[in-house]
Structure formats: structure tokens, C-alpha cells
PDB file of N, CA and C in Angstrom:
ATOM      1  N   UNK A   1      -3.822  -2.382  16.293  1.00  0.00           N
ATOM      2  CA  UNK A   1      -4.103  -1.231  15.460  1.00  0.00           C
ATOM      3  C   UNK A   1      -4.832  -1.732  14.206  1.00  0.00           C
ATOM      4  N   UNK A   2      -5.922  -1.099  13.853  1.00  0.00           N
ATOM      5  CA  UNK A   2      -6.629  -1.512  12.635  1.00  0.00           C
ATOM      6  C   UNK A   2      -5.752  -1.308  11.395  1.00  0.00           C
ATOM      7  N   UNK A   3      -5.947  -2.145  10.408  1.00  0.00           N
ATOM      8  CA  UNK A   3      -5.145  -2.102   9.183  1.00  0.00           C
ATOM      9  C   UNK A   3      -5.174  -0.715   8.542  1.00  0.00           C
ATOM     10  N   UNK A   4      -6.316  -0.080   8.502  1.00  0.00           N
ATOM     11  CA  UNK A   4      -6.420   1.251   7.882  1.00  0.00           C
ATOM     12  C   UNK A   4      -5.540   2.268   8.607  1.00  0.00           C
ATOM     13  N   UNK A   5      -5.486   2.183   9.922  1.00  0.00           N
ATOM     14  CA  UNK A   5      -4.636   3.096  10.696  1.00  0.00           C
ATOM     15  C   UNK A   5      -3.158   2.789  10.458  1.00  0.00           C
ATOM     16  N   UNK A   6      -2.825   1.520  10.352  1.00  0.00           N
ATOM     17  CA  UNK A   6      -1.444   1.130  10.085  1.00  0.00           C
ATOM     18  C   UNK A   6      -0.994   1.673   8.730  1.00  0.00           C
ATOM     19  N   UNK A   7      -1.831   1.564   7.735  1.00  0.00           N
ATOM     20  CA  UNK A   7      -1.483   2.081   6.402  1.00  0.00           C
ATOM     21  C   UNK A   7      -1.291   3.593   6.421  1.00  0.00           C
ATOM     22  N   UNK A   8      -2.071   4.295   7.236  1.00  0.00           N
ATOM     23  CA  UNK A   8      -1.888   5.752   7.378  1.00  0.00           C
ATOM     24  C   UNK A   8      -0.532   6.049   8.029  1.00  0.00           C
ATOM     25  N   UNK A   9      -0.154   5.251   9.019  1.00  0.00           N
ATOM     26  CA  UNK A   9       1.150   5.429   9.672  1.00  0.00           C
ATOM     27  C   UNK A   9       2.282   5.216   8.671  1.00  0.00           C
ATOM     28  N   UNK A  10       2.160   4.175   7.846  1.00  0.00           N
ATOM     29  CA  UNK A  10       3.169   3.944   6.811  1.00  0.00           C
ATOM     30  C   UNK A  10       3.253   5.146   5.879  1.00  0.00           C
ATOM     31  N   UNK A  11       2.113   5.644   5.455  1.00  0.00           N
ATOM     32  CA  UNK A  11       2.085   6.782   4.526  1.00  0.00           C
ATOM     33  C   UNK A  11       2.714   8.029   5.146  1.00  0.00           C
ATOM     34  N   UNK A  12       2.549   8.214   6.440  1.00  0.00           N
ATOM     35  CA  UNK A  12       3.092   9.387   7.128  1.00  0.00           C
ATOM     36  C   UNK A  12       4.582   9.274   7.436  1.00  0.00           C
ATOM     37  N   UNK A  13       5.113   8.063   7.385  1.00  0.00           N
ATOM     38  CA  UNK A  13       6.521   7.837   7.754  1.00  0.00           C
ATOM     39  C   UNK A  13       7.468   8.318   6.660  1.00  0.00           C
ATOM     40  N   UNK A  14       8.647   8.746   7.076  1.00  0.00           N
ATOM     41  CA  UNK A  14       9.705   9.097   6.130  1.00  0.00           C
ATOM     42  C   UNK A  14      10.535   7.864   5.778  1.00  0.00           C
ATOM     43  N   UNK A  15      10.757   7.000   6.771  1.00  0.00           N
ATOM     44  CA  UNK A  15      11.550   5.783   6.623  1.00  0.00           C
ATOM     45  C   UNK A  15      10.840   4.683   7.406  1.00  0.00           C
ATOM     46  N   UNK A  16      10.883   3.477   6.874  1.00  0.00           N
ATOM     47  CA  UNK A  16      10.345   2.333   7.604  1.00  0.00           C
ATOM     48  C   UNK A  16      11.516   1.542   8.175  1.00  0.00           C
ATOM     49  N   UNK A  17      11.451   1.253   9.463  1.00  0.00           N
ATOM     50  CA  UNK A  17      12.549   0.632  10.197  1.00  0.00           C
ATOM     51  C   UNK A  17      12.181  -0.788  10.593  1.00  0.00           C
ATOM     52  N   UNK A  18      13.112  -1.696  10.372  1.00  0.00           N
ATOM     53  CA  UNK A  18      12.942  -3.095  10.763  1.00  0.00           C
ATOM     54  C   UNK A  18      14.218  -3.537  11.448  1.00  0.00           C
ATOM     55  N   UNK A  19      14.087  -4.143  12.622  1.00  0.00           N
ATOM     56  CA  UNK A  19      15.274  -4.625  13.324  1.00  0.00           C
ATOM     57  C   UNK A  19      14.973  -5.972  13.960  1.00  0.00           C
ATOM     58  N   UNK A  20      15.796  -6.953  13.617  1.00  0.00           N
ATOM     59  CA  UNK A  20      15.742  -8.259  14.267  1.00  0.00           C
ATOM     60  C   UNK A  20      16.994  -8.385  15.110  1.00  0.00           C
ATOM     61  N   UNK A  21      16.847  -8.858  16.311  1.00  0.00           N
ATOM     62  CA  UNK A  21      17.984  -8.965  17.216  1.00  0.00           C
ATOM     63  C   UNK A  21      19.059  -9.882  16.637  1.00  0.00           C
ATOM     64  N   UNK A  22      20.231  -9.840  17.207  1.00  0.00           N
ATOM     65  CA  UNK A  22      21.372 -10.628  16.724  1.00  0.00           C
ATOM     66  C   UNK A  22      21.337 -12.043  17.304  1.00  0.00           C
ATOM     67  N   UNK A  23      20.340 -12.804  16.898  1.00  0.00           N
ATOM     68  CA  UNK A  23      20.208 -14.203  17.306  1.00  0.00           C
ATOM     69  C   UNK A  23      20.275 -15.072  16.056  1.00  0.00           C
ATOM     70  N   UNK A  24      20.919 -16.215  16.169  1.00  0.00           N
ATOM     71  CA  UNK A  24      21.075 -17.120  15.021  1.00  0.00           C
ATOM     72  C   UNK A  24      19.726 -17.485  14.408  1.00  0.00           C
ATOM     73  N   UNK A  25      18.703 -17.645  15.225  1.00  0.00           N
ATOM     74  CA  UNK A  25      17.380 -18.023  14.708  1.00  0.00           C
ATOM     75  C   UNK A  25      16.842 -16.982  13.724  1.00  0.00           C
ATOM     76  N   UNK A  26      17.161 -15.716  13.925  1.00  0.00           N
ATOM     77  CA  UNK A  26      16.659 -14.659  13.045  1.00  0.00           C
ATOM     78  C   UNK A  26      17.392 -14.611  11.706  1.00  0.00           C
ATOM     79  N   UNK A  27      18.490 -15.338  11.573  1.00  0.00           N
ATOM     80  CA  UNK A  27      19.220 -15.357  10.306  1.00  0.00           C
ATOM     81  C   UNK A  27      18.521 -16.235   9.263  1.00  0.00           C
ATOM     82  N   UNK A  28      17.567 -17.033   9.702  1.00  0.00           N
ATOM     83  CA  UNK A  28      16.902 -17.970   8.808  1.00  0.00           C
ATOM     84  C   UNK A  28      15.463 -17.578   8.489  1.00  0.00           C
ATOM     85  N   UNK A  29      15.052 -16.405   8.894  1.00  0.00           N
ATOM     86  CA  UNK A  29      13.669 -15.984   8.680  1.00  0.00           C
ATOM     87  C   UNK A  29      13.592 -14.856   7.642  1.00  0.00           C
ATOM     88  N   UNK A  30      12.452 -14.772   7.005  1.00  0.00           N
ATOM     89  CA  UNK A  30      12.164 -13.684   6.077  1.00  0.00           C
ATOM     90  C   UNK A  30      10.833 -13.080   6.541  1.00  0.00           C
ATOM     91  N   UNK A  31      10.898 -12.050   7.377  1.00  0.00           N
ATOM     92  CA  UNK A  31       9.667 -11.479   7.936  1.00  0.00           C
ATOM     93  C   UNK A  31       8.726 -10.945   6.855  1.00  0.00           C
ATOM     94  N   UNK A  32       7.455 -11.235   7.022  1.00  0.00           N
ATOM     95  CA  UNK A  32       6.460 -10.743   6.062  1.00  0.00           C
ATOM     96  C   UNK A  32       6.435  -9.216   6.039  1.00  0.00           C
ATOM     97  N   UNK A  33       6.884  -8.596   7.110  1.00  0.00           N
ATOM     98  CA  UNK A  33       6.926  -7.125   7.176  1.00  0.00           C
ATOM     99  C   UNK A  33       7.788  -6.555   6.047  1.00  0.00           C
ATOM    100  N   UNK A  34       8.790  -7.300   5.590  1.00  0.00           N
ATOM    101  CA  UNK A  34       9.630  -6.836   4.480  1.00  0.00           C
ATOM    102  C   UNK A  34       8.769  -6.590   3.244  1.00  0.00           C
ATOM    103  N   UNK A  35       7.867  -7.493   2.952  1.00  0.00           N
ATOM    104  CA  UNK A  35       7.019  -7.372   1.772  1.00  0.00           C
ATOM    105  C   UNK A  35       6.058  -6.194   1.928  1.00  0.00           C
ATOM    106  N   UNK A  36       5.517  -6.052   3.112  1.00  0.00           N
ATOM    107  CA  UNK A  36       4.598  -4.953   3.384  1.00  0.00           C
ATOM    108  C   UNK A  36       5.312  -3.609   3.243  1.00  0.00           C
ATOM    109  N   UNK A  37       6.495  -3.500   3.854  1.00  0.00           N
ATOM    110  CA  UNK A  37       7.266  -2.267   3.778  1.00  0.00           C
ATOM    111  C   UNK A  37       7.663  -1.962   2.333  1.00  0.00           C
ATOM    112  N   UNK A  38       8.169  -2.961   1.619  1.00  0.00           N
ATOM    113  CA  UNK A  38       8.641  -2.731   0.251  1.00  0.00           C
ATOM    114  C   UNK A  38       7.515  -2.260  -0.652  1.00  0.00           C
ATOM    115  N   UNK A  39       6.318  -2.757  -0.422  1.00  0.00           N
ATOM    116  CA  UNK A  39       5.177  -2.373  -1.261  1.00  0.00           C
ATOM    117  C   UNK A  39       4.809  -0.898  -1.109  1.00  0.00           C
ATOM    118  N   UNK A  40       5.215  -0.271  -0.006  1.00  0.00           N
ATOM    119  CA  UNK A  40       4.873   1.141   0.205  1.00  0.00           C
ATOM    120  C   UNK A  40       5.700   2.091  -0.659  1.00  0.00           C
ATOM    121  N   UNK A  41       6.889   1.655  -1.066  1.00  0.00           N
ATOM    122  CA  UNK A  41       7.789   2.547  -1.797  1.00  0.00           C
ATOM    123  C   UNK A  41       8.625   3.441  -0.896  1.00  0.00           C
ATOM    124  N   UNK A  42       8.448   3.330   0.407  1.00  0.00           N
ATOM    125  CA  UNK A  42       9.222   4.135   1.360  1.00  0.00           C
ATOM    126  C   UNK A  42      10.630   3.566   1.502  1.00  0.00           C
ATOM    127  N   UNK A  43      11.609   4.406   1.853  1.00  0.00           N
ATOM    128  CA  UNK A  43      12.946   3.887   2.154  1.00  0.00           C
ATOM    129  C   UNK A  43      12.861   2.915   3.339  1.00  0.00           C
ATOM    130  N   UNK A  44      13.675   1.878   3.297  1.00  0.00           N
ATOM    131  CA  UNK A  44      13.689   0.877   4.363  1.00  0.00           C
ATOM    132  C   UNK A  44      15.075   0.846   4.988  1.00  0.00           C
ATOM    133  N   UNK A  45      15.092   0.896   6.303  1.00  0.00           N
ATOM    134  CA  UNK A  45      16.332   0.858   7.087  1.00  0.00           C
ATOM    135  C   UNK A  45      16.225  -0.392   7.954  1.00  0.00           C
ATOM    136  N   UNK A  46      17.024  -1.417   7.623  1.00  0.00           N
ATOM    137  CA  UNK A  46      16.820  -2.732   8.222  1.00  0.00           C
ATOM    138  C   UNK A  46      18.061  -3.286   8.900  1.00  0.00           C
ATOM    139  N   UNK A  47      17.909  -3.597  10.170  1.00  0.00           N
ATOM    140  CA  UNK A  47      18.946  -4.291  10.925  1.00  0.00           C
ATOM    141  C   UNK A  47      18.632  -5.774  10.911  1.00  0.00           C
ATOM    142  N   UNK A  48      19.110  -6.443   9.889  1.00  0.00           N
ATOM    143  CA  UNK A  48      18.823  -7.862   9.696  1.00  0.00           C
ATOM    144  C   UNK A  48      20.081  -8.572   9.217  1.00  0.00           C
ATOM    145  N   UNK A  49      20.082  -9.889   9.353  1.00  0.00           N
ATOM    146  CA  UNK A  49      21.216 -10.696   8.894  1.00  0.00           C
ATOM    147  C   UNK A  49      20.678 -11.896   8.122  1.00  0.00           C
ATOM    148  N   UNK A  50      21.570 -12.680   7.570  1.00  0.00           N
ATOM    149  CA  UNK A  50      21.199 -13.931   6.923  1.00  0.00           C
ATOM    150  C   UNK A  50      20.273 -13.767   5.735  1.00  0.00           C
ATOM    151  N   UNK A  51      19.239 -14.600   5.692  1.00  0.00           N
ATOM    152  CA  UNK A  51      18.303 -14.621   4.562  1.00  0.00           C
ATOM    153  C   UNK A  51      17.648 -13.268   4.312  1.00  0.00           C
ATOM    154  N   UNK A  52      17.214 -12.617   5.378  1.00  0.00           N
ATOM    155  CA  UNK A  52      16.542 -11.322   5.221  1.00  0.00           C
ATOM    156  C   UNK A  52      17.485 -10.283   4.633  1.00  0.00           C
ATOM    157  N   UNK A  53      18.722 -10.252   5.095  1.00  0.00           N
ATOM    158  CA  UNK A  53      19.697  -9.283   4.577  1.00  0.00           C
ATOM    159  C   UNK A  53      19.952  -9.525   3.092  1.00  0.00           C
ATOM    160  N   UNK A  54      20.149 -10.775   2.720  1.00  0.00           N
ATOM    161  CA  UNK A  54      20.389 -11.100   1.316  1.00  0.00           C
ATOM    162  C   UNK A  54      19.200 -10.777   0.440  1.00  0.00           C
ATOM    163  N   UNK A  55      17.999 -11.085   0.924  1.00  0.00           N
ATOM    164  CA  UNK A  55      16.786 -10.814   0.154  1.00  0.00           C
ATOM    165  C   UNK A  55      16.599  -9.320  -0.064  1.00  0.00           C
ATOM    166  N   UNK A  56      16.723  -8.545   0.992  1.00  0.00           N
ATOM    167  CA  UNK A  56      16.530  -7.096   0.866  1.00  0.00           C
ATOM    168  C   UNK A  56      17.568  -6.500  -0.082  1.00  0.00           C
ATOM    169  N   UNK A  57      18.817  -6.897   0.084  1.00  0.00           N
ATOM    170  CA  UNK A  57      19.878  -6.360  -0.775  1.00  0.00           C
ATOM    171  C   UNK A  57      19.627  -6.689  -2.246  1.00  0.00           C
ATOM    172  N   UNK A  58      19.122  -7.861  -2.519  1.00  0.00           N
ATOM    173  CA  UNK A  58      18.917  -8.296  -3.903  1.00  0.00           C
ATOM    174  C   UNK A  58      17.606  -7.806  -4.511  1.00  0.00           C
ATOM    175  N   UNK A  59      16.584  -7.639  -3.693  1.00  0.00           N
ATOM    176  CA  UNK A  59      15.236  -7.430  -4.232  1.00  0.00           C
ATOM    177  C   UNK A  59      14.600  -6.065  -3.956  1.00  0.00           C
ATOM    178  N   UNK A  60      15.131  -5.310  -2.997  1.00  0.00           N
ATOM    179  CA  UNK A  60      14.431  -4.090  -2.569  1.00  0.00           C
ATOM    180  C   UNK A  60      15.301  -2.859  -2.795  1.00  0.00           C
ATOM    181  N   UNK A  61      15.008  -2.098  -3.851  1.00  0.00           N
ATOM    182  CA  UNK A  61      15.755  -0.854  -4.071  1.00  0.00           C
ATOM    183  C   UNK A  61      15.490   0.157  -2.948  1.00  0.00           C
ATOM    184  N   UNK A  62      16.451   1.020  -2.738  1.00  0.00           N
ATOM    185  CA  UNK A  62      16.390   2.071  -1.715  1.00  0.00           C
ATOM    186  C   UNK A  62      16.117   1.506  -0.322  1.00  0.00           C
ATOM    187  N   UNK A  63      16.897   0.474   0.005  1.00  0.00           N
ATOM    188  CA  UNK A  63      16.860  -0.105   1.341  1.00  0.00           C
ATOM    189  C   UNK A  63      18.298  -0.197   1.852  1.00  0.00           C
ATOM    190  N   UNK A  64      18.486   0.127   3.100  1.00  0.00           N
ATOM    191  CA  UNK A  64      19.805   0.057   3.724  1.00  0.00           C
ATOM    192  C   UNK A  64      19.786  -1.054   4.760  1.00  0.00           C
ATOM    193  N   UNK A  65      20.700  -2.001   4.614  1.00  0.00           N
ATOM    194  CA  UNK A  65      20.795  -3.131   5.536  1.00  0.00           C
ATOM    195  C   UNK A  65      22.038  -2.960   6.401  1.00  0.00           C
ATOM    196  N   UNK A  66      21.861  -3.126   7.694  1.00  0.00           N
ATOM    197  CA  UNK A  66      23.001  -3.075   8.608  1.00  0.00           C
ATOM    198  C   UNK A  66      22.956  -4.273   9.547  1.00  0.00           C
ATOM    199  N   UNK A  67      24.094  -4.584  10.120  1.00  0.00           N
ATOM    200  CA  UNK A  67      24.203  -5.696  11.058  1.00  0.00           C
ATOM    201  C   UNK A  67      23.366  -5.396  12.299  1.00  0.00           C
ATOM    202  N   UNK A  68      22.508  -6.337  12.708  1.00  0.00           N
ATOM    203  CA  UNK A  68      21.694  -6.098  13.908  1.00  0.00           C
ATOM    204  C   UNK A  68      22.557  -5.725  15.114  1.00  0.00           C
ATOM    205  N   UNK A  69      22.033  -4.824  15.908  1.00  0.00           N
ATOM    206  CA  UNK A  69      22.667  -4.388  17.168  1.00  0.00           C
ATOM    207  C   UNK A  69      23.988  -3.662  16.932  1.00  0.00           C
ATOM    208  N   UNK A  70      24.122  -3.041  15.759  1.00  0.00           N
ATOM    209  CA  UNK A  70      25.338  -2.293  15.446  1.00  0.00           C
ATOM    210  C   UNK A  70      24.969  -0.840  15.156  1.00  0.00           C
ATOM    211  N   UNK A  71      24.878  -0.010  16.201  1.00  0.00           N
ATOM    212  CA  UNK A  71      24.435   1.373  16.006  1.00  0.00           C
ATOM    213  C   UNK A  71      25.327   2.176  15.062  1.00  0.00           C
ATOM    214  N   UNK A  72      26.629   1.992  15.138  1.00  0.00           N
ATOM    215  CA  UNK A  72      27.533   2.760  14.269  1.00  0.00           C
ATOM    216  C   UNK A  72      27.284   2.413  12.802  1.00  0.00           C
ATOM    217  N   UNK A  73      27.144   1.126  12.514  1.00  0.00           N
ATOM    218  CA  UNK A  73      26.864   0.723  11.136  1.00  0.00           C
ATOM    219  C   UNK A  73      25.482   1.201  10.704  1.00  0.00           C
ATOM    220  N   UNK A  74      24.524   1.169  11.615  1.00  0.00           N
ATOM    221  CA  UNK A  74      23.173   1.633  11.291  1.00  0.00           C
ATOM    222  C   UNK A  74      23.195   3.094  10.853  1.00  0.00           C
ATOM    223  N   UNK A  75      23.908   3.931  11.596  1.00  0.00           N
ATOM    224  CA  UNK A  75      23.997   5.356  11.257  1.00  0.00           C
ATOM    225  C   UNK A  75      24.698   5.540   9.913  1.00  0.00           C
ATOM    226  N   UNK A  76      25.761   4.785   9.691  1.00  0.00           N
ATOM    227  CA  UNK A  76      26.485   4.887   8.420  1.00  0.00           C
ATOM    228  C   UNK A  76      25.585   4.490   7.250  1.00  0.00           C
ATOM    229  N   UNK A  77      24.793   3.451   7.412  1.00  0.00           N
ATOM    230  CA  UNK A  77      23.904   2.991   6.335  1.00  0.00           C
ATOM    231  C   UNK A  77      22.750   3.956   6.108  1.00  0.00           C
ATOM    232  N   UNK A  78      22.305   4.603   7.163  1.00  0.00           N
ATOM    233  CA  UNK A  78      21.213   5.578   7.033  1.00  0.00           C
ATOM    234  C   UNK A  78      21.600   6.689   6.071  1.00  0.00           C
ATOM    235  N   UNK A  79      22.861   7.084   6.088  1.00  0.00           N
ATOM    236  CA  UNK A  79      23.334   8.144   5.197  1.00  0.00           C
ATOM    237  C   UNK A  79      23.207   7.767   3.723  1.00  0.00           C
ATOM    238  N   UNK A  80      23.146   6.483   3.424  1.00  0.00           N
ATOM    239  CA  UNK A  80      23.051   6.035   2.037  1.00  0.00           C
ATOM    240  C   UNK A  80      21.639   5.955   1.479  1.00  0.00           C
ATOM    241  N   UNK A  81      20.644   6.156   2.324  1.00  0.00           N
ATOM    242  CA  UNK A  81      19.261   6.081   1.853  1.00  0.00           C
ATOM    243  C   UNK A  81      18.833   7.367   1.156  1.00  0.00           C
ATOM    244  N   UNK A  82      18.073   7.217   0.087  1.00  0.00           N
ATOM    245  CA  UNK A  82      17.421   8.377  -0.532  1.00  0.00           C
ATOM    246  C   UNK A  82      16.133   8.601   0.238  1.00  0.00           C
ATOM    247  N   UNK A  83      15.985   9.759   0.826  1.00  0.00           N
ATOM    248  CA  UNK A  83      14.811  10.044   1.644  1.00  0.00           C
ATOM    249  C   UNK A  83      13.653  10.514   0.774  1.00  0.00           C
ATOM    250  N   UNK A  84      13.230   9.624  -0.095  1.00  0.00           N
ATOM    251  CA  UNK A  84      12.097   9.897  -0.980  1.00  0.00           C
ATOM    252  C   UNK A  84      11.391   8.588  -1.279  1.00  0.00           C
ATOM    253  N   UNK A  85      10.116   8.698  -1.566  1.00  0.00           N
ATOM    254  CA  UNK A  85       9.369   7.513  -1.971  1.00  0.00           C
ATOM    255  C   UNK A  85       9.864   7.059  -3.330  1.00  0.00           C
ATOM    256  N   UNK A  86       9.942   5.761  -3.504  1.00  0.00           N
ATOM    257  CA  UNK A  86      10.400   5.179  -4.760  1.00  0.00           C
ATOM    258  C   UNK A  86       9.518   3.968  -5.041  1.00  0.00           C
ATOM    259  N   UNK A  87       8.528   4.120  -5.908  1.00  0.00           N
ATOM    260  CA  UNK A  87       7.651   2.977  -6.189  1.00  0.00           C
ATOM    261  C   UNK A  87       8.471   1.767  -6.627  1.00  0.00           C
ATOM    262  N   UNK A  88       8.088   0.613  -6.109  1.00  0.00           N
ATOM    263  CA  UNK A  88       8.766  -0.646  -6.433  1.00  0.00           C
ATOM    264  C   UNK A  88       7.791  -1.527  -7.205  1.00  0.00           C
ATOM    265  N   UNK A  89       7.419  -1.057  -8.384  1.00  0.00           N
ATOM    266  CA  UNK A  89       6.395  -1.737  -9.167  1.00  0.00           C
ATOM    267  C   UNK A  89       6.788  -3.159  -9.541  1.00  0.00           C
ATOM    268  N   UNK A  90       8.053  -3.377  -9.893  1.00  0.00           N
ATOM    269  CA  UNK A  90       8.501  -4.723 -10.243  1.00  0.00           C
ATOM    270  C   UNK A  90       8.417  -5.645  -9.032  1.00  0.00           C
ATOM    271  N   UNK A  91       8.822  -5.158  -7.872  1.00  0.00           N
ATOM    272  CA  UNK A  91       8.753  -5.946  -6.651  1.00  0.00           C
ATOM    273  C   UNK A  91       7.306  -6.313  -6.348  1.00  0.00           C
ATOM    274  N   UNK A  92       6.430  -5.340  -6.408  1.00  0.00           N
ATOM    275  CA  UNK A  92       5.018  -5.575  -6.102  1.00  0.00           C
ATOM    276  C   UNK A  92       4.431  -6.602  -7.061  1.00  0.00           C
ATOM    277  N   UNK A  93       4.741  -6.474  -8.341  1.00  0.00           N
ATOM    278  CA  UNK A  93       4.220  -7.441  -9.317  1.00  0.00           C
ATOM    279  C   UNK A  93       4.794  -8.838  -9.061  1.00  0.00           C
ATOM    280  N   UNK A  94       6.075  -8.899  -8.800  1.00  0.00           N
ATOM    281  CA  UNK A  94       6.739 -10.197  -8.602  1.00  0.00           C
ATOM    282  C   UNK A  94       6.209 -10.921  -7.370  1.00  0.00           C
ATOM    283  N   UNK A  95       5.936 -10.184  -6.299  1.00  0.00           N
ATOM    284  CA  UNK A  95       5.561 -10.817  -5.037  1.00  0.00           C
ATOM    285  C   UNK A  95       4.092 -10.643  -4.661  1.00  0.00           C
ATOM    286  N   UNK A  96       3.270 -10.226  -5.600  1.00  0.00           N
ATOM    287  CA  UNK A  96       1.836 -10.132  -5.331  1.00  0.00           C
ATOM    288  C   UNK A  96       1.298 -11.530  -5.034  1.00  0.00           C
ATOM    289  N   UNK A  97       0.454 -11.636  -4.048  1.00  0.00           N
ATOM    290  CA  UNK A  97      -0.089 -12.949  -3.661  1.00  0.00           C
ATOM    291  C   UNK A  97      -0.718 -13.665  -4.853  1.00  0.00           C
ATOM    292  N   UNK A  98      -1.424 -12.929  -5.670  1.00  0.00           N
ATOM    293  CA  UNK A  98      -2.085 -13.531  -6.831  1.00  0.00           C
ATOM    294  C   UNK A  98      -1.054 -14.187  -7.757  1.00  0.00           C
ATOM    295  N   UNK A  99       0.045 -13.489  -8.008  1.00  0.00           N
ATOM    296  CA  UNK A  99       1.071 -14.037  -8.904  1.00  0.00           C
ATOM    297  C   UNK A  99       1.787 -15.228  -8.282  1.00  0.00           C
ATOM    298  N   UNK A 100       2.038 -15.161  -7.001  1.00  0.00           N
ATOM    299  CA  UNK A 100       2.676 -16.287  -6.316  1.00  0.00           C
ATOM    300  C   UNK A 100       1.744 -17.493  -6.328  1.00  0.00           C
ATOM    301  N   UNK A 101       0.456 -17.272  -6.079  1.00  0.00           N
ATOM    302  CA  UNK A 101      -0.509 -18.371  -6.085  1.00  0.00           C
ATOM    303  C   UNK A 101      -0.613 -18.992  -7.476  1.00  0.00           C
ATOM    304  N   UNK A 102      -0.607 -18.169  -8.512  1.00  0.00           N
ATOM    305  CA  UNK A 102      -0.665 -18.696  -9.883  1.00  0.00           C
ATOM    306  C   UNK A 102       0.561 -19.545 -10.207  1.00  0.00           C
ATOM    307  N   UNK A 103       1.728 -19.052  -9.829  1.00  0.00           N
ATOM    308  CA  UNK A 103       2.962 -19.800 -10.085  1.00  0.00           C
ATOM    309  C   UNK A 103       2.967 -21.116  -9.318  1.00  0.00           C
ATOM    310  N   UNK A 104       2.492 -21.096  -8.085  1.00  0.00           N
ATOM    311  CA  UNK A 104       2.438 -22.316  -7.296  1.00  0.00           C
ATOM    312  C   UNK A 104       1.446 -23.309  -7.909  1.00  0.00           C
ATOM    313  N   UNK A 105       0.297 -22.821  -8.359  1.00  0.00           N
ATOM    314  CA  UNK A 105      -0.688 -23.692  -8.995  1.00  0.00           C
ATOM    315  C   UNK A 105      -0.120 -24.304 -10.269  1.00  0.00           C
ATOM    316  N   UNK A 106       0.604 -23.511 -11.047  1.00  0.00           N
ATOM    317  CA  UNK A 106       1.221 -24.029 -12.270  1.00  0.00           C
ATOM    318  C   UNK A 106       2.252 -25.107 -11.938  1.00  0.00           C
ATOM    319  N   UNK A 107       3.024 -24.907 -10.893  1.00  0.00           N
ATOM    320  CA  UNK A 107       3.998 -25.922 -10.465  1.00  0.00           C
ATOM    321  C   UNK A 107       3.305 -27.208 -10.059  1.00  0.00           C
ATOM    322  N   UNK A 108       2.220 -27.095  -9.315  1.00  0.00           N
ATOM    323  CA  UNK A 108       1.480 -28.279  -8.879  1.00  0.00           C
ATOM    324  C   UNK A 108       0.919 -29.027 -10.087  1.00  0.00           C
ATOM    325  N   UNK A 109       0.357 -28.282 -11.036  1.00  0.00           N
ATOM    326  CA  UNK A 109      -0.175 -28.923 -12.244  1.00  0.00           C
ATOM    327  C   UNK A 109       0.929 -29.612 -13.047  1.00  0.00           C
ATOM    328  N   UNK A 110       2.087 -29.000 -13.130  1.00  0.00           N
ATOM    329  CA  UNK A 110       3.211 -29.613 -13.846  1.00  0.00           C
ATOM    330  C   UNK A 110       3.650 -30.913 -13.178  1.00  0.00           C
ATOM    331  N   UNK A 111       3.708 -30.899 -11.859  1.00  0.00           N
ATOM    332  CA  UNK A 111       4.079 -32.110 -11.128  1.00  0.00           C
ATOM    333  C   UNK A 111       3.020 -33.192 -11.346  1.00  0.00           C
ATOM    334  N   UNK A 112       1.755 -32.798 -11.289  1.00  0.00           N
ATOM    335  CA  UNK A 112       0.664 -33.756 -11.498  1.00  0.00           C
ATOM    336  C   UNK A 112       0.727 -34.346 -12.906  1.00  0.00           C
ATOM    337  N   UNK A 113       1.037 -33.519 -13.897  1.00  0.00           N
ATOM    338  CA  UNK A 113       1.160 -34.025 -15.284  1.00  0.00           C
ATOM    339  C   UNK A 113       2.325 -34.992 -15.398  1.00  0.00           C
ATOM    340  N   UNK A 114       3.439 -34.689 -14.741  1.00  0.00           N
ATOM    341  CA  UNK A 114       4.615 -35.564 -14.788  1.00  0.00           C
ATOM    342  C   UNK A 114       4.302 -36.907 -14.127  1.00  0.00           C
ATOM    343  N   UNK A 115       3.534 -36.874 -13.044  1.00  0.00           N
ATOM    344  CA  UNK A 115       3.200 -38.109 -12.335  1.00  0.00           C
ATOM    345  C   UNK A 115       2.235 -38.973 -13.136  1.00  0.00           C
ATOM    346  N   UNK A 116       1.423 -38.356 -13.987  1.00  0.00           N
ATOM    347  CA  UNK A 116       0.425 -39.128 -14.742  1.00  0.00           C
ATOM    348  C   UNK A 116       0.980 -39.712 -16.038  1.00  0.00           C
ATOM    349  N   UNK A 117       2.184 -39.354 -16.408  1.00  0.00           N
ATOM    350  CA  UNK A 117       2.758 -39.901 -17.642  1.00  0.00           C
ATOM    351  C   UNK A 117       3.592 -41.128 -17.388  1.00  0.00           C
TER     352      UNK A 117
END
């Protein structure tokens, strides 16, 4: 699907859904889709565990996290979502590629300065 069509689908959605199966390997990943979804301001309903669950809970307002493959918990968590768009301006600023690249460049320069002294 072309990116422009995908963005239209996001805009038309009421809730963005993400589900990773209940495998140990998925507990150690942070899908890039989380960043894409969070940037839309749409409510997020996520069946994730481990790193992704902790990240979403800490960083993404108006997101409901449930244990993967747990339909009863998923339904219970859905009731807690506000079904409205909520801009996440702080999230977008914090995780914008430009800002991450600048911070990484500053870290590299600091390390280089420490090595040269």
C-alpha cells in the first residue's frame, strides 16, 4: 500500500490496533509501528508484552495495553480508551528522527572529545 493511502487509512480509523503474539521473542522488541501510531494522535489498543508494553504505558497517552492473546483482557482494556484523537506533541517532539539524530551526534562528539583528552 502506498504511504499516502496508509496515512489516509490511519486518519479514517477510530482506533489503531497492534498485536504481537505471545512469544518470548516479541517481549524484547519495540515495533516501529508504535511510533507511527503514536504520532497520529489516535487511541492505541495494543496486545504487547515486555519492552513494548512498558514503553507504551510510560510514553503514549491514551493507549490501552493488554496481554497478547487474551481476548477478555483486551475487551476490558478497550473500555478504558478515550475514543477521540489526542495530539501527542511531546511524544512527537521527543522521538522525531531529527531530534534523535541530533542527540546521537552530540553523544558521538562527546565521546570523541573525551577520547582526545
